[in-house]
N, C-alpha and C. Protein backbone atom coordinates (compact mmCIF):
# COMPACT_ATOMS: atom_id res chain seq x y z
N MET A 1 -18.42 219.64 -140.20
CA MET A 1 -19.18 218.71 -139.38
C MET A 1 -20.61 218.67 -139.93
N PRO A 2 -21.15 217.48 -140.10
CA PRO A 2 -22.53 217.37 -140.57
C PRO A 2 -23.51 218.00 -139.57
N PRO A 3 -24.57 218.62 -140.07
CA PRO A 3 -25.51 219.29 -139.17
C PRO A 3 -26.14 218.38 -138.12
N LYS A 4 -26.41 217.13 -138.47
CA LYS A 4 -27.02 216.22 -137.52
C LYS A 4 -26.09 215.97 -136.33
N ILE A 5 -24.83 215.77 -136.61
CA ILE A 5 -23.86 215.51 -135.55
C ILE A 5 -23.62 216.78 -134.73
N ALA A 6 -23.59 217.94 -135.40
CA ALA A 6 -23.41 219.20 -134.68
C ALA A 6 -24.59 219.45 -133.73
N ARG A 7 -25.77 219.11 -134.17
CA ARG A 7 -26.96 219.28 -133.31
C ARG A 7 -26.88 218.36 -132.09
N LEU A 8 -26.53 217.11 -132.32
CA LEU A 8 -26.41 216.17 -131.20
C LEU A 8 -25.30 216.58 -130.23
N ALA A 9 -24.19 217.04 -130.77
CA ALA A 9 -23.09 217.49 -129.91
C ALA A 9 -23.48 218.73 -129.12
N GLY A 10 -24.22 219.64 -129.76
CA GLY A 10 -24.68 220.83 -129.06
C GLY A 10 -25.65 220.50 -127.94
N LEU A 11 -26.57 219.60 -128.21
CA LEU A 11 -27.50 219.18 -127.16
C LEU A 11 -26.77 218.40 -126.07
N GLY A 12 -25.74 217.67 -126.44
CA GLY A 12 -24.93 216.97 -125.46
C GLY A 12 -24.18 217.93 -124.55
N ALA A 13 -23.75 219.05 -125.10
CA ALA A 13 -23.09 220.06 -124.28
C ALA A 13 -24.05 220.64 -123.25
N PHE A 14 -25.31 220.85 -123.65
CA PHE A 14 -26.30 221.34 -122.69
C PHE A 14 -26.64 220.26 -121.66
N GLY A 15 -26.65 219.01 -122.09
CA GLY A 15 -26.86 217.92 -121.15
C GLY A 15 -25.73 217.81 -120.14
N ALA A 16 -24.52 218.09 -120.59
CA ALA A 16 -23.38 218.07 -119.68
C ALA A 16 -23.52 219.16 -118.62
N CYS A 17 -24.14 220.28 -118.97
CA CYS A 17 -24.39 221.34 -117.98
C CYS A 17 -25.29 220.82 -116.87
N ALA A 18 -26.32 220.08 -117.24
CA ALA A 18 -27.22 219.51 -116.23
C ALA A 18 -26.47 218.50 -115.36
N GLY A 19 -25.61 217.71 -115.98
CA GLY A 19 -24.81 216.75 -115.23
C GLY A 19 -23.85 217.42 -114.27
N LEU A 20 -23.23 218.51 -114.70
CA LEU A 20 -22.32 219.25 -113.82
C LEU A 20 -23.06 219.86 -112.65
N LEU A 21 -24.25 220.38 -112.91
CA LEU A 21 -25.05 220.94 -111.82
C LEU A 21 -25.45 219.86 -110.83
N ALA A 22 -25.84 218.70 -111.33
CA ALA A 22 -26.20 217.58 -110.45
C ALA A 22 -24.99 217.12 -109.63
N LEU A 23 -23.83 217.09 -110.24
CA LEU A 23 -22.61 216.71 -109.52
C LEU A 23 -22.30 217.71 -108.42
N TYR A 24 -22.47 219.01 -108.71
CA TYR A 24 -22.23 220.02 -107.68
C TYR A 24 -23.20 219.85 -106.51
N LEU A 25 -24.46 219.62 -106.83
CA LEU A 25 -25.45 219.45 -105.76
C LEU A 25 -25.15 218.21 -104.92
N LEU A 26 -24.69 217.15 -105.55
CA LEU A 26 -24.33 215.94 -104.81
C LEU A 26 -23.14 216.20 -103.88
N ILE A 27 -22.13 216.87 -104.40
CA ILE A 27 -20.95 217.16 -103.57
C ILE A 27 -21.32 218.12 -102.44
N ALA A 28 -22.16 219.11 -102.72
CA ALA A 28 -22.58 220.03 -101.67
C ALA A 28 -23.38 219.30 -100.59
N TYR A 29 -24.19 218.34 -101.00
CA TYR A 29 -24.95 217.56 -100.02
C TYR A 29 -24.02 216.70 -99.17
N LEU A 30 -23.05 216.08 -99.79
CA LEU A 30 -22.12 215.23 -99.04
C LEU A 30 -21.18 216.02 -98.14
N ALA A 31 -20.90 217.28 -98.49
CA ALA A 31 -19.95 218.08 -97.72
C ALA A 31 -20.63 218.98 -96.70
N ARG A 32 -21.88 218.70 -96.38
CA ARG A 32 -22.57 219.53 -95.41
C ARG A 32 -22.18 219.10 -94.00
N PRO A 33 -22.21 220.02 -93.07
CA PRO A 33 -21.92 219.65 -91.67
C PRO A 33 -23.05 218.79 -91.10
N THR A 34 -22.68 217.79 -90.32
CA THR A 34 -23.68 216.93 -89.69
C THR A 34 -23.43 216.88 -88.19
N ALA A 35 -24.41 216.41 -87.47
CA ALA A 35 -24.29 216.33 -86.01
C ALA A 35 -23.35 215.20 -85.59
N ARG A 36 -23.15 214.21 -86.46
CA ARG A 36 -22.30 213.07 -86.11
C ARG A 36 -20.83 213.32 -86.36
N GLY A 37 -20.48 214.51 -86.81
CA GLY A 37 -19.07 214.83 -87.05
C GLY A 37 -18.83 215.14 -88.51
N GLY A 38 -17.57 215.14 -88.88
CA GLY A 38 -17.21 215.43 -90.27
C GLY A 38 -16.73 216.87 -90.41
N ILE A 39 -17.02 217.45 -91.53
CA ILE A 39 -16.53 218.78 -91.86
C ILE A 39 -17.32 219.84 -91.08
N ASP A 40 -16.65 220.90 -90.67
CA ASP A 40 -17.36 221.97 -89.96
C ASP A 40 -17.94 222.96 -90.96
N SER A 41 -18.74 223.89 -90.49
CA SER A 41 -19.49 224.78 -91.39
C SER A 41 -18.58 225.74 -92.15
N VAL A 42 -17.48 226.18 -91.55
CA VAL A 42 -16.58 227.10 -92.25
C VAL A 42 -15.90 226.39 -93.43
N ASN A 43 -15.39 225.20 -93.19
CA ASN A 43 -14.74 224.47 -94.28
C ASN A 43 -15.74 224.03 -95.33
N ALA A 44 -16.96 223.71 -94.94
CA ALA A 44 -17.99 223.35 -95.90
C ALA A 44 -18.31 224.54 -96.80
N THR A 45 -18.40 225.73 -96.23
CA THR A 45 -18.69 226.92 -97.02
C THR A 45 -17.57 227.22 -98.00
N VAL A 46 -16.33 227.08 -97.55
CA VAL A 46 -15.19 227.29 -98.45
C VAL A 46 -15.21 226.28 -99.59
N ALA A 47 -15.51 225.03 -99.29
CA ALA A 47 -15.59 224.00 -100.33
C ALA A 47 -16.71 224.30 -101.32
N TRP A 48 -17.88 224.72 -100.83
CA TRP A 48 -19.00 225.03 -101.71
C TRP A 48 -18.67 226.20 -102.64
N ILE A 49 -18.04 227.23 -102.09
CA ILE A 49 -17.71 228.41 -102.91
C ILE A 49 -16.66 228.07 -103.96
N SER A 50 -15.63 227.34 -103.56
CA SER A 50 -14.57 227.02 -104.51
C SER A 50 -15.09 226.08 -105.61
N LEU A 51 -15.89 225.12 -105.25
CA LEU A 51 -16.46 224.23 -106.26
C LEU A 51 -17.45 224.97 -107.16
N ALA A 52 -18.17 225.92 -106.61
CA ALA A 52 -19.13 226.68 -107.41
C ALA A 52 -18.41 227.46 -108.51
N GLY A 53 -17.25 228.01 -108.21
CA GLY A 53 -16.49 228.74 -109.23
C GLY A 53 -16.05 227.85 -110.37
N VAL A 54 -15.54 226.68 -110.04
CA VAL A 54 -15.07 225.75 -111.07
C VAL A 54 -16.24 225.24 -111.89
N ILE A 55 -17.31 224.83 -111.23
CA ILE A 55 -18.48 224.31 -111.94
C ILE A 55 -19.12 225.40 -112.80
N ALA A 56 -19.19 226.62 -112.30
CA ALA A 56 -19.77 227.72 -113.09
C ALA A 56 -18.95 227.98 -114.35
N ALA A 57 -17.62 227.94 -114.23
CA ALA A 57 -16.78 228.15 -115.40
C ALA A 57 -16.99 227.04 -116.43
N LEU A 58 -17.08 225.80 -115.97
CA LEU A 58 -17.32 224.68 -116.88
C LEU A 58 -18.68 224.79 -117.56
N ILE A 59 -19.68 225.24 -116.82
CA ILE A 59 -21.02 225.39 -117.41
C ILE A 59 -21.02 226.50 -118.45
N VAL A 60 -20.34 227.61 -118.18
CA VAL A 60 -20.28 228.71 -119.14
C VAL A 60 -19.62 228.25 -120.44
N VAL A 61 -18.55 227.49 -120.32
CA VAL A 61 -17.86 226.99 -121.51
C VAL A 61 -18.75 226.02 -122.29
N HIS A 62 -19.45 225.14 -121.59
CA HIS A 62 -20.33 224.20 -122.27
C HIS A 62 -21.49 224.91 -122.96
N VAL A 63 -22.03 225.94 -122.35
CA VAL A 63 -23.11 226.70 -122.98
C VAL A 63 -22.60 227.41 -124.24
N ALA A 64 -21.41 227.99 -124.17
CA ALA A 64 -20.86 228.69 -125.33
C ALA A 64 -20.60 227.71 -126.48
N ILE A 65 -20.02 226.57 -126.18
CA ILE A 65 -19.76 225.58 -127.22
C ILE A 65 -21.07 225.02 -127.76
N GLY A 66 -22.03 224.76 -126.89
CA GLY A 66 -23.32 224.25 -127.33
C GLY A 66 -24.04 225.20 -128.25
N ARG A 67 -23.99 226.49 -127.93
CA ARG A 67 -24.64 227.49 -128.79
C ARG A 67 -23.98 227.55 -130.16
N GLN A 68 -22.64 227.47 -130.18
CA GLN A 68 -21.94 227.49 -131.46
C GLN A 68 -22.27 226.25 -132.29
N LEU A 69 -22.35 225.10 -131.64
CA LEU A 69 -22.68 223.88 -132.38
C LEU A 69 -24.10 223.92 -132.91
N LEU A 70 -25.05 224.45 -132.15
CA LEU A 70 -26.42 224.54 -132.64
C LEU A 70 -26.53 225.56 -133.78
N THR A 71 -25.74 226.62 -133.72
CA THR A 71 -25.70 227.58 -134.82
C THR A 71 -25.13 226.93 -136.07
N LEU A 72 -24.08 226.13 -135.88
CA LEU A 72 -23.48 225.41 -137.00
C LEU A 72 -24.47 224.41 -137.60
N ALA A 73 -25.27 223.77 -136.76
CA ALA A 73 -26.25 222.78 -137.24
C ALA A 73 -27.34 223.44 -138.07
N GLN A 74 -27.63 224.72 -137.84
CA GLN A 74 -28.65 225.43 -138.61
C GLN A 74 -28.10 225.90 -139.96
N GLY A 75 -26.82 225.75 -140.17
CA GLY A 75 -26.21 226.14 -141.44
C GLY A 75 -25.74 227.57 -141.48
N LYS A 76 -25.74 228.25 -140.34
CA LYS A 76 -25.28 229.63 -140.29
C LYS A 76 -23.77 229.65 -140.08
N GLU A 77 -23.15 230.72 -140.54
CA GLU A 77 -21.71 230.90 -140.34
C GLU A 77 -21.44 231.37 -138.91
N ILE A 78 -20.38 230.85 -138.35
CA ILE A 78 -19.94 231.28 -137.02
C ILE A 78 -18.85 232.31 -137.23
N GLY A 79 -19.07 233.52 -136.71
CA GLY A 79 -18.11 234.60 -136.90
C GLY A 79 -16.80 234.32 -136.19
N ASN A 80 -15.73 234.82 -136.79
CA ASN A 80 -14.41 234.67 -136.19
C ASN A 80 -13.85 235.99 -135.70
N GLY A 81 -14.71 236.98 -135.53
CA GLY A 81 -14.29 238.24 -134.95
C GLY A 81 -13.77 239.24 -135.95
N LYS A 82 -13.83 238.96 -137.24
CA LYS A 82 -13.33 239.91 -138.24
C LYS A 82 -14.41 240.82 -138.71
């Protein structure tokens, strides 16, 4: 992969982390208990915790891939564990 494209893809992976965080905050805001009805506080808490686990896993993967792509863009070798 050319270094310029690897750099853009790596920065895009970090940008996706910000987008995932914004999506989580939007869903948490929409799933909050209100006085006019809707979801209760127990179910809202369960939804927030379950979504936080999924979003956190996606962010960790995007950070790992982004770091590897930025390392590749600098021309360094990415180790394969040997």
